[in-house]
């Protein structure tokens, strides 16, 4: 594999529903600008975080 080839994709990380529910409670800064779907926003944030933990080089 060369550096221009993407790394093999592993299984999609999963975020426990209770973590999503807790994160869906908007922070004051988030509440100030609003969110059309706080739960989907929370899930996206947590999934991205899990992906960075699984492969710290993936975001570079």
N, C-alpha and C. Protein backbone atom coordinates (compact mmCIF):
# COMPACT_ATOMS: atom_id res chain seq x y z
N UNK A 1 0.85 -1.17 0.00
CA UNK A 1 0.00 0.00 0.00
C UNK A 1 0.89 1.24 0.00
N UNK A 2 0.56 2.20 -0.85
CA UNK A 2 1.30 3.46 -0.86
C UNK A 2 0.56 4.48 -0.02
N UNK A 3 1.21 5.60 0.25
CA UNK A 3 0.58 6.62 1.09
C UNK A 3 -0.61 7.27 0.41
N UNK A 4 -0.73 7.14 -0.91
CA UNK A 4 -1.88 7.73 -1.59
C UNK A 4 -3.12 6.84 -1.54
N UNK A 5 -2.94 5.59 -1.13
CA UNK A 5 -4.08 4.68 -1.03
C UNK A 5 -4.76 4.84 0.32
N UNK A 6 -6.09 4.83 0.33
CA UNK A 6 -6.79 4.93 1.61
C UNK A 6 -6.57 3.66 2.43
N UNK A 7 -6.56 3.82 3.72
CA UNK A 7 -6.44 2.67 4.61
C UNK A 7 -7.69 1.81 4.50
N UNK A 8 -7.53 0.52 4.73
CA UNK A 8 -8.68 -0.37 4.70
C UNK A 8 -9.68 0.06 5.76
N UNK A 9 -10.91 0.13 5.36
CA UNK A 9 -11.96 0.56 6.29
C UNK A 9 -12.33 -0.59 7.20
N UNK A 10 -12.36 -0.30 8.47
CA UNK A 10 -12.79 -1.29 9.45
C UNK A 10 -14.27 -1.13 9.69
N UNK A 11 -14.78 -1.83 10.66
CA UNK A 11 -16.21 -1.69 10.96
C UNK A 11 -16.50 -0.27 11.47
N UNK A 12 -17.67 0.22 11.13
CA UNK A 12 -18.10 1.54 11.57
C UNK A 12 -18.23 1.53 13.09
N UNK A 13 -17.60 2.51 13.76
CA UNK A 13 -17.76 2.55 15.22
C UNK A 13 -19.21 2.79 15.60
N UNK A 14 -19.60 2.26 16.73
CA UNK A 14 -20.95 2.48 17.22
C UNK A 14 -20.90 3.29 18.50
N UNK A 15 -21.88 4.15 18.65
CA UNK A 15 -21.98 4.98 19.84
C UNK A 15 -23.22 4.54 20.60
N UNK A 16 -23.08 4.23 21.89
CA UNK A 16 -24.25 3.83 22.67
C UNK A 16 -25.33 4.91 22.67
N UNK A 17 -26.57 4.47 22.58
CA UNK A 17 -27.71 5.40 22.52
C UNK A 17 -27.74 6.34 23.71
N UNK A 18 -27.36 5.84 24.89
CA UNK A 18 -27.39 6.73 26.06
C UNK A 18 -26.35 7.85 25.95
N UNK A 19 -25.22 7.58 25.27
CA UNK A 19 -24.24 8.64 25.04
C UNK A 19 -24.80 9.69 24.08
N UNK A 20 -25.49 9.23 23.05
CA UNK A 20 -26.10 10.15 22.09
C UNK A 20 -27.16 10.99 22.79
N UNK A 21 -27.98 10.34 23.61
CA UNK A 21 -29.03 11.07 24.32
C UNK A 21 -28.45 12.15 25.22
N UNK A 22 -27.37 11.81 25.93
CA UNK A 22 -26.74 12.82 26.81
C UNK A 22 -26.15 13.96 25.99
N UNK A 23 -25.49 13.64 24.89
CA UNK A 23 -24.84 14.67 24.07
C UNK A 23 -25.87 15.50 23.32
N UNK A 24 -27.07 14.98 23.12
CA UNK A 24 -28.11 15.71 22.41
C UNK A 24 -28.63 16.89 23.21
N UNK A 25 -28.37 16.90 24.52
CA UNK A 25 -28.68 18.07 25.32
C UNK A 25 -27.68 19.14 24.91
N UNK A 26 -28.15 20.14 24.19
CA UNK A 26 -27.26 21.13 23.61
C UNK A 26 -26.49 21.92 24.65
N UNK A 27 -25.24 22.20 24.33
CA UNK A 27 -24.43 23.09 25.15
C UNK A 27 -24.98 24.51 24.97
N UNK A 28 -24.72 25.40 25.91
CA UNK A 28 -25.25 26.77 25.78
C UNK A 28 -24.90 27.43 24.44
N UNK A 29 -23.69 27.22 23.97
CA UNK A 29 -23.27 27.80 22.69
C UNK A 29 -24.08 27.22 21.52
N UNK A 30 -24.37 25.92 21.60
CA UNK A 30 -25.14 25.27 20.56
C UNK A 30 -26.60 25.71 20.61
N UNK A 31 -27.13 25.83 21.83
CA UNK A 31 -28.52 26.25 21.99
C UNK A 31 -28.73 27.66 21.45
N UNK A 32 -27.71 28.51 21.60
CA UNK A 32 -27.82 29.89 21.13
C UNK A 32 -28.03 29.96 19.62
N UNK A 33 -27.42 29.05 18.86
CA UNK A 33 -27.59 29.06 17.41
C UNK A 33 -28.64 28.07 16.95
N UNK A 34 -29.03 27.14 17.84
CA UNK A 34 -30.08 26.19 17.53
C UNK A 34 -29.58 24.98 16.76
N UNK A 35 -30.44 24.01 16.64
CA UNK A 35 -30.15 22.79 15.90
C UNK A 35 -31.46 22.21 15.40
N UNK A 36 -31.50 21.85 14.11
CA UNK A 36 -32.70 21.24 13.56
C UNK A 36 -32.92 19.83 14.09
N UNK A 37 -31.82 19.15 14.41
CA UNK A 37 -31.91 17.77 14.89
C UNK A 37 -30.77 17.51 15.87
N UNK A 38 -30.95 17.88 17.15
CA UNK A 38 -29.88 17.72 18.13
C UNK A 38 -29.39 16.28 18.27
N UNK A 39 -30.27 15.31 18.12
CA UNK A 39 -29.86 13.91 18.28
C UNK A 39 -28.96 13.47 17.13
N UNK A 40 -29.30 13.85 15.90
CA UNK A 40 -28.46 13.52 14.75
C UNK A 40 -27.12 14.24 14.84
N UNK A 41 -27.15 15.47 15.30
CA UNK A 41 -25.92 16.24 15.49
C UNK A 41 -25.04 15.55 16.53
N UNK A 42 -25.62 15.12 17.63
CA UNK A 42 -24.87 14.45 18.69
C UNK A 42 -24.26 13.15 18.17
N UNK A 43 -25.04 12.39 17.43
CA UNK A 43 -24.53 11.13 16.90
C UNK A 43 -23.36 11.36 15.96
N UNK A 44 -23.45 12.37 15.10
CA UNK A 44 -22.36 12.67 14.17
C UNK A 44 -21.10 13.09 14.92
N UNK A 45 -21.24 13.91 15.94
CA UNK A 45 -20.10 14.36 16.74
C UNK A 45 -19.43 13.16 17.42
N UNK A 46 -20.23 12.31 18.04
CA UNK A 46 -19.68 11.17 18.77
C UNK A 46 -19.07 10.13 17.83
N UNK A 47 -19.68 9.91 16.67
CA UNK A 47 -19.10 8.96 15.71
C UNK A 47 -17.75 9.46 15.21
N UNK A 48 -17.66 10.75 14.91
CA UNK A 48 -16.40 11.31 14.46
C UNK A 48 -15.33 11.15 15.54
N UNK A 49 -15.71 11.36 16.77
CA UNK A 49 -14.77 11.19 17.88
C UNK A 49 -14.31 9.74 17.98
N UNK A 50 -15.24 8.79 17.87
CA UNK A 50 -14.89 7.37 17.93
C UNK A 50 -13.95 7.00 16.78
N UNK A 51 -14.18 7.55 15.60
CA UNK A 51 -13.33 7.26 14.45
C UNK A 51 -11.91 7.77 14.69
N UNK A 52 -11.79 8.96 15.30
CA UNK A 52 -10.46 9.51 15.60
C UNK A 52 -9.74 8.66 16.64
N UNK A 53 -10.48 8.11 17.59
CA UNK A 53 -9.87 7.24 18.61
C UNK A 53 -9.41 5.95 17.96
N UNK A 54 -10.21 5.39 17.07
CA UNK A 54 -9.87 4.13 16.41
C UNK A 54 -8.68 4.29 15.47
N UNK A 55 -8.57 5.45 14.80
CA UNK A 55 -7.48 5.68 13.86
C UNK A 55 -7.08 7.15 13.91
N UNK A 56 -6.18 7.51 14.83
CA UNK A 56 -5.81 8.92 15.00
C UNK A 56 -5.25 9.57 13.74
N UNK A 57 -4.70 8.80 12.82
CA UNK A 57 -4.13 9.36 11.59
C UNK A 57 -5.18 9.61 10.53
N UNK A 58 -6.39 9.10 10.69
CA UNK A 58 -7.42 9.19 9.65
C UNK A 58 -7.82 10.62 9.33
N UNK A 59 -7.79 11.51 10.30
CA UNK A 59 -8.23 12.88 10.07
C UNK A 59 -7.15 13.77 9.50
N UNK A 60 -5.98 13.25 9.23
CA UNK A 60 -4.88 14.09 8.75
C UNK A 60 -4.74 14.03 7.28
